[in-house]
Amino acid sequence: MAENKALVKGKGIVKTIYHDKGFGFIRQDDGTDIFFHASGVCNPPKFEDLREGHEVKYMIVEAPKGNKAIGITTVY
């Protein structure tokens, strides 16, 4: 039987974004960085609209290469 793991909420600032490669990193409130992929961005409506310095909230999930952010939304 598969084990269900609770999603953890996070909040931070977009530190680096590579629009041409489709990913970036968020500086979390605790000072560590977390990876995100373009497919994890929910709002702004398009990944291309997300910019360095935007404040965001997200969910943290385990991935094969470590934790990543999904369900990313801009905080207004």
N, C-alpha and C. Protein backbone atom coordinates (compact mmCIF):
# COMPACT_ATOMS: atom_id res chain seq x y z
N MET A 1 0.85 -1.18 0.00
CA MET A 1 0.00 0.00 0.00
C MET A 1 0.89 1.24 0.00
N ALA A 2 0.56 2.22 -0.83
CA ALA A 2 1.35 3.47 -0.92
C ALA A 2 1.13 4.31 0.33
N GLU A 3 2.20 4.97 0.73
CA GLU A 3 2.13 5.82 1.91
C GLU A 3 1.81 7.25 1.48
N ASN A 4 0.79 7.87 2.10
CA ASN A 4 0.44 9.26 1.79
C ASN A 4 1.26 10.19 2.66
N LYS A 5 1.85 11.20 2.04
CA LYS A 5 2.64 12.17 2.78
C LYS A 5 1.94 13.52 2.70
N ALA A 6 1.90 14.23 3.81
CA ALA A 6 1.25 15.53 3.85
C ALA A 6 2.09 16.54 3.07
N LEU A 7 1.40 17.40 2.32
CA LEU A 7 2.08 18.49 1.63
C LEU A 7 2.38 19.59 2.63
N VAL A 8 3.53 20.19 2.49
CA VAL A 8 3.95 21.27 3.38
C VAL A 8 3.84 22.58 2.62
N LYS A 9 3.26 23.59 3.25
CA LYS A 9 3.14 24.90 2.62
C LYS A 9 4.42 25.69 2.83
N GLY A 10 4.76 26.51 1.85
CA GLY A 10 5.93 27.36 1.95
C GLY A 10 5.64 28.75 1.42
N LYS A 11 6.54 29.67 1.74
CA LYS A 11 6.42 31.05 1.29
C LYS A 11 7.82 31.58 1.07
N GLY A 12 8.00 32.38 0.03
CA GLY A 12 9.32 32.92 -0.24
C GLY A 12 9.31 33.92 -1.39
N ILE A 13 10.51 34.19 -1.92
CA ILE A 13 10.72 35.15 -2.99
C ILE A 13 11.40 34.43 -4.15
N VAL A 14 10.94 34.69 -5.38
CA VAL A 14 11.60 34.11 -6.54
C VAL A 14 13.01 34.69 -6.60
N LYS A 15 14.00 33.82 -6.46
CA LYS A 15 15.40 34.23 -6.44
C LYS A 15 15.98 34.28 -7.85
N THR A 16 15.80 33.20 -8.59
CA THR A 16 16.35 33.07 -9.94
C THR A 16 15.31 32.39 -10.81
N ILE A 17 15.18 32.88 -12.04
CA ILE A 17 14.24 32.24 -12.96
C ILE A 17 14.87 32.17 -14.35
N TYR A 18 14.77 31.01 -14.96
CA TYR A 18 15.31 30.78 -16.29
C TYR A 18 14.13 30.53 -17.23
N HIS A 19 13.59 31.61 -17.79
CA HIS A 19 12.42 31.47 -18.66
C HIS A 19 12.72 30.58 -19.86
N ASP A 20 13.94 30.67 -20.40
CA ASP A 20 14.29 29.89 -21.59
C ASP A 20 14.43 28.40 -21.29
N LYS A 21 14.68 28.05 -20.03
CA LYS A 21 14.85 26.65 -19.65
C LYS A 21 13.65 26.07 -18.90
N GLY A 22 12.72 26.96 -18.46
CA GLY A 22 11.49 26.49 -17.83
C GLY A 22 11.59 26.11 -16.37
N PHE A 23 12.53 26.71 -15.62
CA PHE A 23 12.62 26.43 -14.20
C PHE A 23 13.26 27.61 -13.47
N GLY A 24 13.26 27.51 -12.14
CA GLY A 24 13.88 28.54 -11.32
C GLY A 24 14.02 28.08 -9.88
N PHE A 25 14.38 29.03 -9.02
CA PHE A 25 14.57 28.75 -7.60
C PHE A 25 13.90 29.82 -6.76
N ILE A 26 13.32 29.39 -5.66
CA ILE A 26 12.68 30.28 -4.70
C ILE A 26 13.52 30.32 -3.44
N ARG A 27 13.79 31.51 -2.92
CA ARG A 27 14.45 31.65 -1.62
C ARG A 27 13.35 31.58 -0.57
N GLN A 28 13.35 30.50 0.20
CA GLN A 28 12.33 30.28 1.21
C GLN A 28 12.54 31.20 2.41
N ASP A 29 11.51 31.36 3.22
CA ASP A 29 11.60 32.21 4.40
C ASP A 29 12.71 31.78 5.35
N ASP A 30 13.08 30.49 5.34
CA ASP A 30 14.14 30.02 6.24
C ASP A 30 15.54 30.24 5.64
N GLY A 31 15.62 30.84 4.45
CA GLY A 31 16.90 31.16 3.83
C GLY A 31 17.43 30.12 2.86
N THR A 32 16.77 28.97 2.77
CA THR A 32 17.20 27.93 1.83
C THR A 32 16.48 28.13 0.50
N ASP A 33 17.05 27.55 -0.55
CA ASP A 33 16.45 27.64 -1.88
C ASP A 33 15.74 26.35 -2.23
N ILE A 34 14.66 26.47 -3.01
CA ILE A 34 13.91 25.31 -3.48
C ILE A 34 13.67 25.45 -4.98
N PHE A 35 13.80 24.35 -5.69
CA PHE A 35 13.61 24.28 -7.13
C PHE A 35 12.14 24.34 -7.48
N PHE A 36 11.82 24.94 -8.64
CA PHE A 36 10.48 24.83 -9.21
C PHE A 36 10.57 24.73 -10.72
N HIS A 37 9.59 24.05 -11.30
CA HIS A 37 9.48 23.88 -12.75
C HIS A 37 8.32 24.74 -13.24
N ALA A 38 8.36 25.12 -14.50
CA ALA A 38 7.30 25.95 -15.09
C ALA A 38 5.92 25.34 -14.89
N SER A 39 5.83 24.02 -14.92
CA SER A 39 4.53 23.34 -14.76
C SER A 39 3.95 23.51 -13.36
N GLY A 40 4.76 23.96 -12.39
CA GLY A 40 4.29 24.14 -11.02
C GLY A 40 3.71 25.52 -10.74
N VAL A 41 3.72 26.41 -11.74
CA VAL A 41 3.22 27.78 -11.56
C VAL A 41 1.73 27.83 -11.87
N CYS A 42 0.93 28.28 -10.89
CA CYS A 42 -0.52 28.39 -11.07
C CYS A 42 -0.97 29.83 -11.34
N ASN A 43 -0.30 30.78 -10.72
CA ASN A 43 -0.70 32.19 -10.81
C ASN A 43 0.53 33.03 -10.55
N PRO A 44 1.05 33.89 -11.41
CA PRO A 44 0.38 34.41 -12.58
C PRO A 44 -0.02 33.29 -13.53
N PRO A 45 -0.98 33.59 -14.41
CA PRO A 45 -1.49 32.54 -15.28
C PRO A 45 -0.42 31.85 -16.12
N LYS A 46 0.66 32.56 -16.44
CA LYS A 46 1.70 31.95 -17.27
C LYS A 46 3.05 32.04 -16.55
N PHE A 47 3.86 31.01 -16.71
CA PHE A 47 5.21 30.98 -16.16
C PHE A 47 6.00 32.20 -16.62
N GLU A 48 5.80 32.61 -17.87
CA GLU A 48 6.54 33.72 -18.44
C GLU A 48 6.30 35.04 -17.70
N ASP A 49 5.17 35.15 -16.98
CA ASP A 49 4.84 36.37 -16.25
C ASP A 49 5.51 36.45 -14.88
N LEU A 50 6.04 35.34 -14.40
CA LEU A 50 6.69 35.32 -13.09
C LEU A 50 8.07 35.97 -13.20
N ARG A 51 8.43 36.79 -12.21
CA ARG A 51 9.69 37.54 -12.24
C ARG A 51 10.47 37.37 -10.95
N GLU A 52 11.78 37.55 -11.04
CA GLU A 52 12.62 37.55 -9.85
C GLU A 52 12.14 38.65 -8.92
N GLY A 53 12.09 38.34 -7.62
CA GLY A 53 11.62 39.29 -6.63
C GLY A 53 10.16 39.16 -6.28
N HIS A 54 9.38 38.42 -7.08
CA HIS A 54 7.96 38.19 -6.75
C HIS A 54 7.86 37.36 -5.47
N GLU A 55 6.98 37.77 -4.59
CA GLU A 55 6.69 36.99 -3.39
C GLU A 55 5.68 35.92 -3.78
N VAL A 56 5.96 34.67 -3.37
CA VAL A 56 5.11 33.55 -3.76
C VAL A 56 4.82 32.64 -2.56
N LYS A 57 3.74 31.88 -2.71
CA LYS A 57 3.46 30.78 -1.78
C LYS A 57 3.29 29.53 -2.61
N TYR A 58 3.50 28.37 -2.01
CA TYR A 58 3.57 27.12 -2.75
C TYR A 58 3.44 25.94 -1.81
N MET A 59 3.40 24.76 -2.39
CA MET A 59 3.41 23.50 -1.65
C MET A 59 4.74 22.82 -1.95
N ILE A 60 5.29 22.15 -0.95
CA ILE A 60 6.56 21.45 -1.11
C ILE A 60 6.28 19.95 -1.22
N VAL A 61 6.85 19.33 -2.26
CA VAL A 61 6.71 17.89 -2.45
C VAL A 61 8.08 17.27 -2.65
N GLU A 62 8.18 16.00 -2.32
CA GLU A 62 9.42 15.26 -2.55
C GLU A 62 9.49 14.86 -4.02
N ALA A 63 10.67 15.00 -4.59
CA ALA A 63 10.92 14.60 -5.98
C ALA A 63 12.18 13.73 -5.99
N PRO A 64 12.44 13.02 -7.06
CA PRO A 64 13.61 12.13 -7.11
C PRO A 64 14.94 12.84 -6.79
N LYS A 65 15.06 14.11 -7.16
CA LYS A 65 16.32 14.83 -6.91
C LYS A 65 16.23 15.77 -5.70
N GLY A 66 15.20 15.62 -4.86
CA GLY A 66 15.03 16.47 -3.68
C GLY A 66 13.68 17.17 -3.72
N ASN A 67 13.46 18.03 -2.76
CA ASN A 67 12.18 18.73 -2.69
C ASN A 67 12.03 19.73 -3.83
N LYS A 68 10.75 19.95 -4.23
CA LYS A 68 10.46 20.98 -5.22
C LYS A 68 9.15 21.66 -4.86
N ALA A 69 8.97 22.86 -5.41
CA ALA A 69 7.75 23.64 -5.16
C ALA A 69 6.75 23.41 -6.29
N ILE A 70 5.47 23.25 -5.92
CA ILE A 70 4.38 23.13 -6.88
C ILE A 70 3.25 24.03 -6.43
N GLY A 71 2.26 24.24 -7.27
CA GLY A 71 1.10 25.06 -6.89
C GLY A 71 1.51 26.48 -6.55
N ILE A 72 2.45 27.03 -7.29
CA ILE A 72 3.03 28.33 -6.98
C ILE A 72 2.07 29.45 -7.37
N THR A 73 1.80 30.34 -6.41
CA THR A 73 0.95 31.50 -6.66
C THR A 73 1.63 32.75 -6.12
N THR A 74 1.41 33.85 -6.82
CA THR A 74 1.99 35.14 -6.39
C THR A 74 1.18 35.67 -5.22
N VAL A 75 1.89 36.24 -4.24
CA VAL A 75 1.24 36.87 -3.08
C VAL A 75 1.11 38.35 -3.40
N TYR A 76 -0.13 38.88 -3.32
CA TYR A 76 -0.35 40.30 -3.61
C TYR A 76 -0.52 41.08 -2.34
